Amino acid sequence: MDVNKTIFVAGHQGMVGSTLLRQLTQKGYQNILTRPRSSLDLANQQAVLDFFQAYPIDEVYLAAAKVGGIVANNTYPAEFIHTNLMIECNVIHGAFTTGVKKLLFLGSSCIYPKFASQPMTESALLTGELEPTNEPYAIAKIAGIKLCESYNRQYGTDFRSVMPTNLYGPNDNFHPQNSHVIPAMMQRFHQAKLDQAPEVVVWGSGQPMREFLHVDDMAAACIHVMELDAQQYQQHSEPMLSHINVGTGVDCTIRELAETMARVVGYDGQIVFDTSKPDGTPRKVLDVTRLERLGWMASIPLETGLASTYQWFVEHRTAIRC
């Protein structure tokens, strides 16, 4: 481990990026570059290229992205595909152009077909139709994977991709409509507790099954994958397959998640499921065999992770995005 190499964490103010920054610092890395959006627009090709040319960067963690839940994806499909494509193209090409040794692209499990066999293996990519509610975002993330694969194939670069399951944790977006399921649900249950509301409404039937990974585990997995040397990494790689699933390999129903959330928050009212709202994909759980063979497994149980996240949420509620 060379603690003196220069690492650029793109998207360091987001949930994953901020956790990566913290863990890299804790591991002793000395030269970590970050830039807020106000000083470096990653969607601006020239600005990104100028940045890469100005610094001798050894590694890049590409955690920057436009993200959101079902409502946000349905409402802003053009922004989700355009912004993410621009960021990926600019950062990956900028890294290649300036000779960056390693890059890690962070994608999403929504890249897999809506009715993919469960648990979903890396080879399920592009074998069926995507979930319509987030198809533009998924296509952008697939493009990022293929960018990394293509540069590796043509130029021999070492650009890797990790596909996380549903993430949660500190510094998430807790908006009740535009966020993902856990932060939206946590905000809703917390407010219901404060208001002593008799019920909390949860979107959908409660039957879909989802897998959830704490952001601390996600960041640890990313760093683990990046610290593997090329021989270790390629030992469990398939030809033309640059991405690795990151998750727990365990899922639960949305109903079970809601019941767990109520317990963690301390809400004792009724939970009502609004079946007029979309469920999305019926089941999403990742096959994490490849990552386990590379020497990493998740360590934070769901209820434990929810409890620590809720504590952070309560302590920072006045300052976070709600």
C-alpha atoms as a PDB file:
ATOM      1  CA  MET A   1       0.000   0.000   0.000  1.00  0.00           C
ATOM      2  CA  ASP A   2       1.600   3.235  -1.177  1.00  0.00           C
ATOM      3  CA  VAL A   3       0.170   5.899   1.130  1.00  0.00           C
ATOM      4  CA  ASN A   4       1.906   8.652  -0.828  1.00  0.00           C
ATOM      5  CA  LYS A   5       0.146   8.093  -4.147  1.00  0.00           C
ATOM      6  CA  THR A   6      -2.233  10.821  -5.312  1.00  0.00           C
ATOM      7  CA  ILE A   7      -5.904   9.815  -5.197  1.00  0.00           C
ATOM      8  CA  PHE A   8      -8.786  11.832  -6.638  1.00  0.00           C
ATOM      9  CA  VAL A   9     -12.174  11.180  -5.022  1.00  0.00           C
ATOM     10  CA  ALA A  10     -14.797  12.520  -7.421  1.00  0.00           C
ATOM     11  CA  GLY A  11     -18.061  13.256  -5.617  1.00  0.00           C
ATOM     12  CA  HIS A  12     -16.526  13.559  -2.153  1.00  0.00           C
ATOM     13  CA  GLN A  13     -19.496  15.480  -0.751  1.00  0.00           C
ATOM     14  CA  GLY A  14     -21.986  12.702  -1.470  1.00  0.00           C
ATOM     15  CA  MET A  15     -22.832   9.768   0.773  1.00  0.00           C
ATOM     16  CA  VAL A  16     -20.373   7.299  -0.780  1.00  0.00           C
ATOM     17  CA  GLY A  17     -17.692   9.833  -1.646  1.00  0.00           C
ATOM     18  CA  SER A  18     -17.574  11.333   1.840  1.00  0.00           C
ATOM     19  CA  THR A  19     -17.277   7.865   3.357  1.00  0.00           C
ATOM     20  CA  LEU A  20     -14.517   6.941   0.928  1.00  0.00           C
ATOM     21  CA  LEU A  21     -12.675  10.122   1.861  1.00  0.00           C
ATOM     22  CA  ARG A  22     -12.965   9.338   5.577  1.00  0.00           C
ATOM     23  CA  GLN A  23     -11.831   5.731   5.230  1.00  0.00           C
ATOM     24  CA  LEU A  24      -8.934   6.527   2.899  1.00  0.00           C
ATOM     25  CA  THR A  25      -7.738   9.145   5.383  1.00  0.00           C
ATOM     26  CA  GLN A  26      -8.066   6.668   8.256  1.00  0.00           C
ATOM     27  CA  LYS A  27      -5.974   4.158   6.310  1.00  0.00           C
ATOM     28  CA  GLY A  28      -3.162   6.700   6.106  1.00  0.00           C
ATOM     29  CA  TYR A  29      -3.318   7.922   2.520  1.00  0.00           C
ATOM     30  CA  GLN A  30      -1.580  11.306   2.456  1.00  0.00           C
ATOM     31  CA  ASN A  31      -2.419  12.867  -0.911  1.00  0.00           C
ATOM     32  CA  ILE A  32      -6.155  12.891  -1.540  1.00  0.00           C
ATOM     33  CA  LEU A  33      -7.572  15.387  -4.014  1.00  0.00           C
ATOM     34  CA  THR A  34     -11.172  16.607  -3.842  1.00  0.00           C
ATOM     35  CA  ARG A  35     -13.071  19.348  -5.608  1.00  0.00           C
ATOM     36  CA  PRO A  36     -16.580  20.643  -4.812  1.00  0.00           C
ATOM     37  CA  ARG A  37     -18.978  21.072  -7.697  1.00  0.00           C
ATOM     38  CA  SER A  38     -18.659  24.848  -7.363  1.00  0.00           C
ATOM     39  CA  SER A  39     -14.979  24.709  -8.388  1.00  0.00           C
ATOM     40  CA  LEU A  40     -15.010  21.733 -10.765  1.00  0.00           C
ATOM     41  CA  ASP A  41     -18.032  20.860 -12.897  1.00  0.00           C
ATOM     42  CA  LEU A  42     -17.471  17.222 -13.848  1.00  0.00           C
ATOM     43  CA  ALA A  43     -19.988  17.611 -16.683  1.00  0.00           C
ATOM     44  CA  ASN A  44     -17.647  20.159 -18.303  1.00  0.00           C
ATOM     45  CA  GLN A  45     -15.202  18.273 -20.525  1.00  0.00           C
ATOM     46  CA  GLN A  46     -12.538  20.963 -20.758  1.00  0.00           C
ATOM     47  CA  ALA A  47     -12.627  21.729 -17.045  1.00  0.00           C
ATOM     48  CA  VAL A  48     -12.148  18.054 -16.208  1.00  0.00           C
ATOM     49  CA  LEU A  49      -9.279  17.646 -18.672  1.00  0.00           C
ATOM     50  CA  ASP A  50      -7.584  20.784 -17.327  1.00  0.00           C
ATOM     51  CA  PHE A  51      -7.879  19.388 -13.798  1.00  0.00           C
ATOM     52  CA  PHE A  52      -6.327  16.027 -14.707  1.00  0.00           C
ATOM     53  CA  GLN A  53      -3.513  17.736 -16.579  1.00  0.00           C
ATOM     54  CA  ALA A  54      -2.748  19.952 -13.587  1.00  0.00           C
ATOM     55  CA  TYR A  55      -2.133  17.107 -11.121  1.00  0.00           C
ATOM     56  CA  PRO A  56      -0.138  13.829 -11.264  1.00  0.00           C
ATOM     57  CA  ILE A  57      -3.072  11.616 -10.262  1.00  0.00           C
ATOM     58  CA  ASP A  58      -2.415   7.912  -9.652  1.00  0.00           C
ATOM     59  CA  GLU A  59      -5.919   6.672  -8.809  1.00  0.00           C
ATOM     60  CA  VAL A  60      -9.503   7.843  -9.203  1.00  0.00           C
ATOM     61  CA  TYR A  61     -12.619   6.864  -7.284  1.00  0.00           C
ATOM     62  CA  LEU A  62     -15.524   7.955  -9.487  1.00  0.00           C
ATOM     63  CA  ALA A  63     -18.327   8.314  -6.932  1.00  0.00           C
ATOM     64  CA  ALA A  64     -19.881  11.423  -8.479  1.00  0.00           C
ATOM     65  CA  ALA A  65     -23.343  10.937  -9.978  1.00  0.00           C
ATOM     66  CA  LYS A  66     -26.858  12.284 -10.122  1.00  0.00           C
ATOM     67  CA  VAL A  67     -28.916   9.863  -8.035  1.00  0.00           C
ATOM     68  CA  GLY A  68     -32.455   9.563  -6.679  1.00  0.00           C
ATOM     69  CA  GLY A  69     -35.399   7.292  -6.026  1.00  0.00           C
ATOM     70  CA  ILE A  70     -38.337   6.226  -8.189  1.00  0.00           C
ATOM     71  CA  VAL A  71     -40.031   9.640  -8.126  1.00  0.00           C
ATOM     72  CA  ALA A  72     -36.864  11.527  -9.061  1.00  0.00           C
ATOM     73  CA  ASN A  73     -36.031   9.066 -11.845  1.00  0.00           C
ATOM     74  CA  ASN A  74     -39.545   9.320 -13.265  1.00  0.00           C
ATOM     75  CA  THR A  75     -39.607  13.114 -13.027  1.00  0.00           C
ATOM     76  CA  TYR A  76     -36.137  13.946 -14.356  1.00  0.00           C
ATOM     77  CA  PRO A  77     -35.162  11.176 -16.819  1.00  0.00           C
ATOM     78  CA  ALA A  78     -33.303  13.543 -19.165  1.00  0.00           C
ATOM     79  CA  GLU A  79     -31.139  14.927 -16.365  1.00  0.00           C
ATOM     80  CA  PHE A  80     -30.414  11.455 -15.026  1.00  0.00           C
ATOM     81  CA  ILE A  81     -29.108  10.099 -18.321  1.00  0.00           C
ATOM     82  CA  HIS A  82     -27.392  13.260 -19.569  1.00  0.00           C
ATOM     83  CA  THR A  83     -25.608  14.317 -16.387  1.00  0.00           C
ATOM     84  CA  ASN A  84     -24.350  10.829 -15.584  1.00  0.00           C
ATOM     85  CA  LEU A  85     -23.143  10.201 -19.137  1.00  0.00           C
ATOM     86  CA  MET A  86     -21.265  13.491 -19.182  1.00  0.00           C
ATOM     87  CA  ILE A  87     -19.577  12.871 -15.818  1.00  0.00           C
ATOM     88  CA  GLU A  88     -18.516   9.346 -16.768  1.00  0.00           C
ATOM     89  CA  CYS A  89     -17.205  10.254 -20.200  1.00  0.00           C
ATOM     90  CA  ASN A  90     -15.250  13.242 -18.960  1.00  0.00           C
ATOM     91  CA  VAL A  91     -13.654  11.626 -15.913  1.00  0.00           C
ATOM     92  CA  ILE A  92     -12.844   8.250 -17.500  1.00  0.00           C
ATOM     93  CA  HIS A  93     -11.420   9.814 -20.662  1.00  0.00           C
ATOM     94  CA  GLY A  94      -9.546  12.430 -18.656  1.00  0.00           C
ATOM     95  CA  ALA A  95      -7.991   9.671 -16.552  1.00  0.00           C
ATOM     96  CA  PHE A  96      -6.952   7.749 -19.652  1.00  0.00           C
ATOM     97  CA  THR A  97      -5.570  10.814 -21.421  1.00  0.00           C
ATOM     98  CA  THR A  98      -3.323  11.735 -18.494  1.00  0.00           C
ATOM     99  CA  GLY A  99      -2.100   8.229 -17.678  1.00  0.00           C
ATOM    100  CA  VAL A 100      -3.969   7.515 -14.446  1.00  0.00           C
ATOM    101  CA  LYS A 101      -2.923   4.035 -13.293  1.00  0.00           C
ATOM    102  CA  LYS A 102      -6.199   2.889 -11.691  1.00  0.00           C
ATOM    103  CA  LEU A 103      -9.812   4.019 -11.721  1.00  0.00           C
ATOM    104  CA  LEU A 104     -12.859   2.686  -9.914  1.00  0.00           C
ATOM    105  CA  PHE A 105     -16.277   3.450 -11.392  1.00  0.00           C
ATOM    106  CA  LEU A 106     -19.271   3.185  -9.049  1.00  0.00           C
ATOM    107  CA  GLY A 107     -22.441   1.986 -10.709  1.00  0.00           C
ATOM    108  CA  SER A 108     -25.729   0.546  -9.463  1.00  0.00           C
ATOM    109  CA  SER A 109     -27.529  -2.793  -9.358  1.00  0.00           C
ATOM    110  CA  CYS A 110     -30.283  -1.239 -11.501  1.00  0.00           C
ATOM    111  CA  ILE A 111     -28.081  -2.098 -14.498  1.00  0.00           C
ATOM    112  CA  TYR A 112     -29.536  -5.610 -14.439  1.00  0.00           C
ATOM    113  CA  PRO A 113     -32.734  -6.672 -16.251  1.00  0.00           C
ATOM    114  CA  LYS A 114     -36.026  -6.252 -14.414  1.00  0.00           C
ATOM    115  CA  PHE A 115     -36.673  -9.991 -14.436  1.00  0.00           C
ATOM    116  CA  ALA A 116     -33.095 -11.209 -14.099  1.00  0.00           C
ATOM    117  CA  SER A 117     -32.608 -14.528 -12.347  1.00  0.00           C
ATOM    118  CA  GLN A 118     -32.035 -14.080  -8.627  1.00  0.00           C
ATOM    119  CA  PRO A 119     -29.526 -13.634  -7.158  1.00  0.00           C
ATOM    120  CA  MET A 120     -28.165 -11.519  -9.997  1.00  0.00           C
ATOM    121  CA  THR A 121     -24.720 -12.411 -11.296  1.00  0.00           C
ATOM    122  CA  GLU A 122     -22.408 -10.059 -13.176  1.00  0.00           C
ATOM    123  CA  SER A 123     -23.071 -12.025 -16.362  1.00  0.00           C
ATOM    124  CA  ALA A 124     -26.778 -11.021 -16.286  1.00  0.00           C
ATOM    125  CA  LEU A 125     -25.856  -7.614 -17.710  1.00  0.00           C
ATOM    126  CA  LEU A 126     -27.639  -6.859 -21.026  1.00  0.00           C
ATOM    127  CA  THR A 127     -29.623 -10.110 -21.031  1.00  0.00           C
ATOM    128  CA  GLY A 128     -33.099  -8.524 -20.791  1.00  0.00           C
ATOM    129  CA  GLU A 129     -35.232  -5.391 -20.511  1.00  0.00           C
ATOM    130  CA  LEU A 130     -34.526  -2.876 -17.776  1.00  0.00           C
ATOM    131  CA  GLU A 131     -36.954  -1.611 -15.138  1.00  0.00           C
ATOM    132  CA  PRO A 132     -38.777   1.283 -16.930  1.00  0.00           C
ATOM    133  CA  THR A 133     -38.876   3.601 -13.896  1.00  0.00           C
ATOM    134  CA  ASN A 134     -35.093   4.080 -13.871  1.00  0.00           C
ATOM    135  CA  GLU A 135     -34.054   2.978 -17.351  1.00  0.00           C
ATOM    136  CA  PRO A 136     -32.269   6.258 -18.314  1.00  0.00           C
ATOM    137  CA  TYR A 137     -30.133   6.130 -15.164  1.00  0.00           C
ATOM    138  CA  ALA A 138     -29.409   2.427 -15.666  1.00  0.00           C
ATOM    139  CA  ILE A 139     -28.355   2.978 -19.285  1.00  0.00           C
ATOM    140  CA  ALA A 140     -25.951   5.703 -18.171  1.00  0.00           C
ATOM    141  CA  LYS A 141     -24.414   3.353 -15.615  1.00  0.00           C
ATOM    142  CA  ILE A 142     -24.123   0.558 -18.175  1.00  0.00           C
ATOM    143  CA  ALA A 143     -22.329   3.008 -20.443  1.00  0.00           C
ATOM    144  CA  GLY A 144     -19.850   3.692 -17.632  1.00  0.00           C
ATOM    145  CA  ILE A 145     -19.098  -0.012 -17.291  1.00  0.00           C
ATOM    146  CA  LYS A 146     -18.612  -0.324 -21.033  1.00  0.00           C
ATOM    147  CA  LEU A 147     -16.351   2.728 -21.095  1.00  0.00           C
ATOM    148  CA  CYS A 148     -14.088   1.069 -18.534  1.00  0.00           C
ATOM    149  CA  GLU A 149     -14.196  -2.253 -20.383  1.00  0.00           C
ATOM    150  CA  SER A 150     -13.442  -0.602 -23.721  1.00  0.00           C
ATOM    151  CA  TYR A 151     -10.444   1.383 -22.490  1.00  0.00           C
ATOM    152  CA  ASN A 152      -9.118  -1.749 -20.771  1.00  0.00           C
ATOM    153  CA  ARG A 153      -9.564  -3.768 -23.956  1.00  0.00           C
ATOM    154  CA  GLN A 154      -8.078  -1.246 -26.352  1.00  0.00           C
ATOM    155  CA  TYR A 155      -5.422   0.455 -24.254  1.00  0.00           C
ATOM    156  CA  GLY A 156      -4.652  -1.977 -21.433  1.00  0.00           C
ATOM    157  CA  THR A 157      -5.799   0.377 -18.690  1.00  0.00           C
ATOM    158  CA  ASP A 158      -6.789  -0.834 -15.222  1.00  0.00           C
ATOM    159  CA  PHE A 159     -10.258   0.653 -14.883  1.00  0.00           C
ATOM    160  CA  ARG A 160     -12.547  -1.319 -12.575  1.00  0.00           C
ATOM    161  CA  SER A 161     -16.259  -1.059 -11.798  1.00  0.00           C
ATOM    162  CA  VAL A 162     -18.291  -1.964  -8.736  1.00  0.00           C
ATOM    163  CA  MET A 163     -22.068  -2.359  -8.776  1.00  0.00           C
ATOM    164  CA  PRO A 164     -23.549  -1.770  -5.318  1.00  0.00           C
ATOM    165  CA  THR A 165     -26.954  -2.827  -4.162  1.00  0.00           C
ATOM    166  CA  ASN A 166     -29.238  -0.260  -2.459  1.00  0.00           C
ATOM    167  CA  LEU A 167     -27.070   1.913  -0.215  1.00  0.00           C
ATOM    168  CA  TYR A 168     -27.931   3.804   2.949  1.00  0.00           C
ATOM    169  CA  GLY A 169     -26.152   5.595   5.764  1.00  0.00           C
ATOM    170  CA  PRO A 170     -24.966   9.004   7.024  1.00  0.00           C
ATOM    171  CA  ASN A 171     -24.959  11.926   4.585  1.00  0.00           C
ATOM    172  CA  ASP A 172     -27.737  10.410   2.461  1.00  0.00           C
ATOM    173  CA  ASN A 173     -30.505  12.470   0.826  1.00  0.00           C
ATOM    174  CA  PHE A 174     -33.431  12.364   3.251  1.00  0.00           C
ATOM    175  CA  HIS A 175     -36.017  14.117   1.092  1.00  0.00           C
ATOM    176  CA  PRO A 176     -39.336  12.258   1.614  1.00  0.00           C
ATOM    177  CA  GLN A 177     -40.184  12.119  -2.118  1.00  0.00           C
ATOM    178  CA  ASN A 178     -36.935  12.416  -4.093  1.00  0.00           C
ATOM    179  CA  SER A 179     -34.733  10.084  -2.053  1.00  0.00           C
ATOM    180  CA  HIS A 180     -34.242   6.334  -1.998  1.00  0.00           C
ATOM    181  CA  VAL A 181     -36.396   4.020   0.078  1.00  0.00           C
ATOM    182  CA  ILE A 182     -34.472   3.917   3.388  1.00  0.00           C
ATOM    183  CA  PRO A 183     -33.855   7.670   3.891  1.00  0.00           C
ATOM    184  CA  ALA A 184     -37.370   8.533   2.682  1.00  0.00           C
ATOM    185  CA  MET A 185     -38.870   5.945   5.015  1.00  0.00           C
ATOM    186  CA  MET A 186     -36.704   7.037   7.941  1.00  0.00           C
ATOM    187  CA  GLN A 187     -37.738  10.677   7.505  1.00  0.00           C
ATOM    188  CA  ARG A 188     -41.405   9.676   7.251  1.00  0.00           C
ATOM    189  CA  PHE A 189     -41.379   7.456  10.346  1.00  0.00           C
ATOM    190  CA  HIS A 190     -39.455  10.026  12.358  1.00  0.00           C
ATOM    191  CA  GLN A 191     -41.914  12.782  11.484  1.00  0.00           C
ATOM    192  CA  ALA A 192     -44.847  10.497  12.280  1.00  0.00           C
ATOM    193  CA  LYS A 193     -43.298   9.789  15.663  1.00  0.00           C
ATOM    194  CA  LEU A 194     -42.911  13.508  16.384  1.00  0.00           C
ATOM    195  CA  ASP A 195     -46.478  14.228  15.228  1.00  0.00           C
ATOM    196  CA  GLN A 196     -47.886  11.172  17.020  1.00  0.00           C
ATOM    197  CA  ALA A 197     -49.539  10.276  13.732  1.00  0.00           C
ATOM    198  CA  PRO A 198     -51.765   7.174  13.828  1.00  0.00           C
ATOM    199  CA  GLU A 199     -50.297   5.721  10.625  1.00  0.00           C
ATOM    200  CA  VAL A 200     -47.434   5.898   8.155  1.00  0.00           C
ATOM    201  CA  VAL A 201     -48.086   5.318   4.465  1.00  0.00           C
ATOM    202  CA  VAL A 202     -45.474   3.308   2.551  1.00  0.00           C
ATOM    203  CA  TRP A 203     -45.495   3.239  -1.234  1.00  0.00           C
ATOM    204  CA  GLY A 204     -46.367  -0.017  -2.987  1.00  0.00           C
ATOM    205  CA  SER A 205     -47.613  -3.380  -1.799  1.00  0.00           C
ATOM    206  CA  GLY A 206     -44.728  -4.104   0.553  1.00  0.00           C
ATOM    207  CA  GLN A 207     -44.020  -7.368  -1.267  1.00  0.00           C
ATOM    208  CA  PRO A 208     -40.983  -6.466  -3.403  1.00  0.00           C
ATOM    209  CA  MET A 209     -37.714  -7.735  -1.999  1.00  0.00           C
ATOM    210  CA  ARG A 210     -34.627  -5.564  -1.703  1.00  0.00           C
ATOM    211  CA  GLU A 211     -31.057  -5.877  -0.501  1.00  0.00           C
ATOM    212  CA  PHE A 212     -29.457  -3.053   1.485  1.00  0.00           C
ATOM    213  CA  LEU A 213     -25.819  -2.231   2.172  1.00  0.00           C
ATOM    214  CA  HIS A 214     -24.469   0.287   4.672  1.00  0.00           C
ATOM    215  CA  VAL A 215     -22.260   2.923   3.064  1.00  0.00           C
ATOM    216  CA  ASP A 216     -19.371   2.083   5.417  1.00  0.00           C
ATOM    217  CA  ASP A 217     -19.365  -1.431   3.972  1.00  0.00           C
ATOM    218  CA  MET A 218     -19.580  -0.028   0.450  1.00  0.00           C
ATOM    219  CA  ALA A 219     -16.570   2.242   0.921  1.00  0.00           C
ATOM    220  CA  ALA A 220     -14.571  -0.579   2.510  1.00  0.00           C
ATOM    221  CA  ALA A 221     -15.366  -2.838  -0.460  1.00  0.00           C
ATOM    222  CA  CYS A 222     -14.295  -0.142  -2.938  1.00  0.00           C
ATOM    223  CA  ILE A 223     -10.956   0.371  -1.226  1.00  0.00           C
ATOM    224  CA  HIS A 224     -10.426  -3.386  -0.991  1.00  0.00           C
ATOM    225  CA  VAL A 225     -11.027  -3.810  -4.726  1.00  0.00           C
ATOM    226  CA  MET A 226      -8.711  -0.933  -5.588  1.00  0.00           C
ATOM    227  CA  GLU A 227      -5.901  -2.205  -3.325  1.00  0.00           C
ATOM    228  CA  LEU A 228      -5.836  -5.589  -5.073  1.00  0.00           C
ATOM    229  CA  ASP A 229      -2.968  -5.871  -7.483  1.00  0.00           C
ATOM    230  CA  ALA A 230      -3.721  -6.737 -11.093  1.00  0.00           C
ATOM    231  CA  GLN A 231      -2.911 -10.420 -10.642  1.00  0.00           C
ATOM    232  CA  GLN A 232      -5.186 -10.775  -7.613  1.00  0.00           C
ATOM    233  CA  TYR A 233      -7.975  -8.899  -9.355  1.00  0.00           C
ATOM    234  CA  GLN A 234      -7.777 -10.816 -12.609  1.00  0.00           C
ATOM    235  CA  GLN A 235      -7.666 -14.162 -10.847  1.00  0.00           C
ATOM    236  CA  HIS A 236     -11.428 -14.055 -10.406  1.00  0.00           C
ATOM    237  CA  SER A 237     -12.269 -11.954 -13.462  1.00  0.00           C
ATOM    238  CA  GLU A 238     -14.063 -13.163 -16.542  1.00  0.00           C
ATOM    239  CA  PRO A 239     -12.960 -12.064 -20.021  1.00  0.00           C
ATOM    240  CA  MET A 240     -14.457  -8.685 -20.974  1.00  0.00           C
ATOM    241  CA  LEU A 241     -16.118  -8.371 -17.539  1.00  0.00           C
ATOM    242  CA  SER A 242     -14.846  -5.408 -15.550  1.00  0.00           C
ATOM    243  CA  HIS A 243     -17.583  -5.015 -12.945  1.00  0.00           C
ATOM    244  CA  ILE A 244     -18.064  -6.614  -9.542  1.00  0.00           C
ATOM    245  CA  ASN A 245     -21.269  -6.846  -7.513  1.00  0.00           C
ATOM    246  CA  VAL A 246     -21.098  -5.315  -4.031  1.00  0.00           C
ATOM    247  CA  GLY A 247     -23.754  -6.268  -1.509  1.00  0.00           C
ATOM    248  CA  THR A 248     -24.678  -8.517   1.371  1.00  0.00           C
ATOM    249  CA  GLY A 249     -26.290 -11.284  -0.667  1.00  0.00           C
ATOM    250  CA  VAL A 250     -29.285 -11.096   1.709  1.00  0.00           C
ATOM    251  CA  ASP A 251     -32.635  -9.388   0.992  1.00  0.00           C
ATOM    252  CA  CYS A 252     -35.905  -8.614   2.769  1.00  0.00           C
ATOM    253  CA  THR A 253     -39.382  -7.446   1.786  1.00  0.00           C
ATOM    254  CA  ILE A 254     -40.269  -3.767   1.907  1.00  0.00           C
ATOM    255  CA  ARG A 255     -42.820  -4.712   4.562  1.00  0.00           C
ATOM    256  CA  GLU A 256     -40.059  -6.214   6.688  1.00  0.00           C
ATOM    257  CA  LEU A 257     -37.946  -3.113   6.125  1.00  0.00           C
ATOM    258  CA  ALA A 258     -40.825  -0.869   7.235  1.00  0.00           C
ATOM    259  CA  GLU A 259     -41.378  -2.936  10.370  1.00  0.00           C
ATOM    260  CA  THR A 260     -37.681  -2.812  11.190  1.00  0.00           C
ATOM    261  CA  MET A 261     -37.624   0.939  10.575  1.00  0.00           C
ATOM    262  CA  ALA A 262     -40.568   1.482  12.901  1.00  0.00           C
ATOM    263  CA  ARG A 263     -38.761  -0.485  15.603  1.00  0.00           C
ATOM    264  CA  VAL A 264     -35.514   1.458  15.156  1.00  0.00           C
ATOM    265  CA  VAL A 265     -37.254   4.849  15.151  1.00  0.00           C
ATOM    266  CA  GLY A 266     -39.568   3.942  18.017  1.00  0.00           C
ATOM    267  CA  TYR A 267     -42.797   4.478  16.087  1.00  0.00           C
ATOM    268  CA  ASP A 268     -45.724   2.360  17.312  1.00  0.00           C
ATOM    269  CA  GLY A 269     -48.505   3.438  14.928  1.00  0.00           C
ATOM    270  CA  GLN A 270     -49.985   1.542  11.985  1.00  0.00           C
ATOM    271  CA  ILE A 271     -48.109   0.911   8.739  1.00  0.00           C
ATOM    272  CA  VAL A 272     -50.305   1.275   5.631  1.00  0.00           C
ATOM    273  CA  PHE A 273     -49.222   0.226   2.135  1.00  0.00           C
ATOM    274  CA  ASP A 274     -50.433   2.345  -0.794  1.00  0.00           C
ATOM    275  CA  THR A 275     -50.889  -0.191  -3.593  1.00  0.00           C
ATOM    276  CA  SER A 276     -51.681   2.586  -6.097  1.00  0.00           C
ATOM    277  CA  LYS A 277     -47.976   3.466  -6.115  1.00  0.00           C
ATOM    278  CA  PRO A 278     -45.454   1.500  -8.212  1.00  0.00           C
ATOM    279  CA  ASP A 279     -43.499  -1.372  -6.719  1.00  0.00           C
ATOM    280  CA  GLY A 280     -40.658  -1.310  -9.201  1.00  0.00           C
ATOM    281  CA  THR A 281     -38.635  -4.464  -9.729  1.00  0.00           C
ATOM    282  CA  PRO A 282     -40.164  -7.438  -7.852  1.00  0.00           C
ATOM    283  CA  ARG A 283     -36.867  -8.648  -6.406  1.00  0.00           C
ATOM    284  CA  LYS A 284     -33.283  -7.417  -6.400  1.00  0.00           C
ATOM    285  CA  VAL A 285     -30.518  -9.306  -4.653  1.00  0.00           C
ATOM    286  CA  LEU A 286     -26.956  -9.601  -5.871  1.00  0.00           C
ATOM    287  CA  ASP A 287     -24.786 -12.649  -6.206  1.00  0.00           C
ATOM    288  CA  VAL A 288     -21.644 -11.548  -4.356  1.00  0.00           C
ATOM    289  CA  THR A 289     -19.644 -14.739  -4.922  1.00  0.00           C
ATOM    290  CA  ARG A 290     -17.023 -12.983  -7.027  1.00  0.00           C
ATOM    291  CA  LEU A 291     -16.372 -10.307  -4.385  1.00  0.00           C
ATOM    292  CA  GLU A 292     -16.145 -12.919  -1.633  1.00  0.00           C
ATOM    293  CA  ARG A 293     -13.569 -14.812  -3.694  1.00  0.00           C
ATOM    294  CA  LEU A 294     -11.592 -11.579  -3.827  1.00  0.00           C
ATOM    295  CA  GLY A 295     -11.517 -11.584  -0.027  1.00  0.00           C
ATOM    296  CA  TRP A 296     -14.290  -9.217   1.094  1.00  0.00           C
ATOM    297  CA  MET A 297     -17.686  -9.665   2.817  1.00  0.00           C
ATOM    298  CA  ALA A 298     -20.154  -7.169   4.275  1.00  0.00           C
ATOM    299  CA  SER A 299     -20.109  -6.909   8.061  1.00  0.00           C
ATOM    300  CA  ILE A 300     -22.903  -4.511   9.119  1.00  0.00           C
ATOM    301  CA  PRO A 301     -26.339  -6.145   9.756  1.00  0.00           C
ATOM    302  CA  LEU A 302     -29.342  -4.176   8.490  1.00  0.00           C
ATOM    303  CA  GLU A 303     -30.909  -3.313  11.844  1.00  0.00           C
ATOM    304  CA  THR A 304     -27.541  -2.292  13.287  1.00  0.00           C
ATOM    305  CA  GLY A 305     -26.878  -0.083  10.274  1.00  0.00           C
ATOM    306  CA  LEU A 306     -30.346   1.461  10.431  1.00  0.00           C
ATOM    307  CA  ALA A 307     -29.913   2.242  14.129  1.00  0.00           C
ATOM    308  CA  SER A 308     -26.601   4.045  13.635  1.00  0.00           C
ATOM    309  CA  THR A 309     -27.972   5.874  10.595  1.00  0.00           C
ATOM    310  CA  TYR A 310     -31.019   6.992  12.552  1.00  0.00           C
ATOM    311  CA  GLN A 311     -28.812   8.297  15.352  1.00  0.00           C
ATOM    312  CA  TRP A 312     -26.835  10.314  12.788  1.00  0.00           C
ATOM    313  CA  PHE A 313     -30.075  11.539  11.194  1.00  0.00           C
ATOM    314  CA  VAL A 314     -31.446  12.813  14.507  1.00  0.00           C
ATOM    315  CA  GLU A 315     -28.178  14.547  15.375  1.00  0.00           C
ATOM    316  CA  HIS A 316     -27.853  16.251  11.978  1.00  0.00           C
ATOM    317  CA  ARG A 317     -31.486  16.698  11.001  1.00  0.00           C
ATOM    318  CA  THR A 318     -31.416  20.508  10.950  1.00  0.00           C
ATOM    319  CA  ALA A 319     -28.462  20.552   8.545  1.00  0.00           C
ATOM    320  CA  ILE A 320     -29.224  17.695   6.128  1.00  0.00           C
ATOM    321  CA  ARG A 321     -31.292  17.646   2.963  1.00  0.00           C
ATOM    322  CA  CYS A 322     -34.914  16.912   3.988  1.00  0.00           C
END
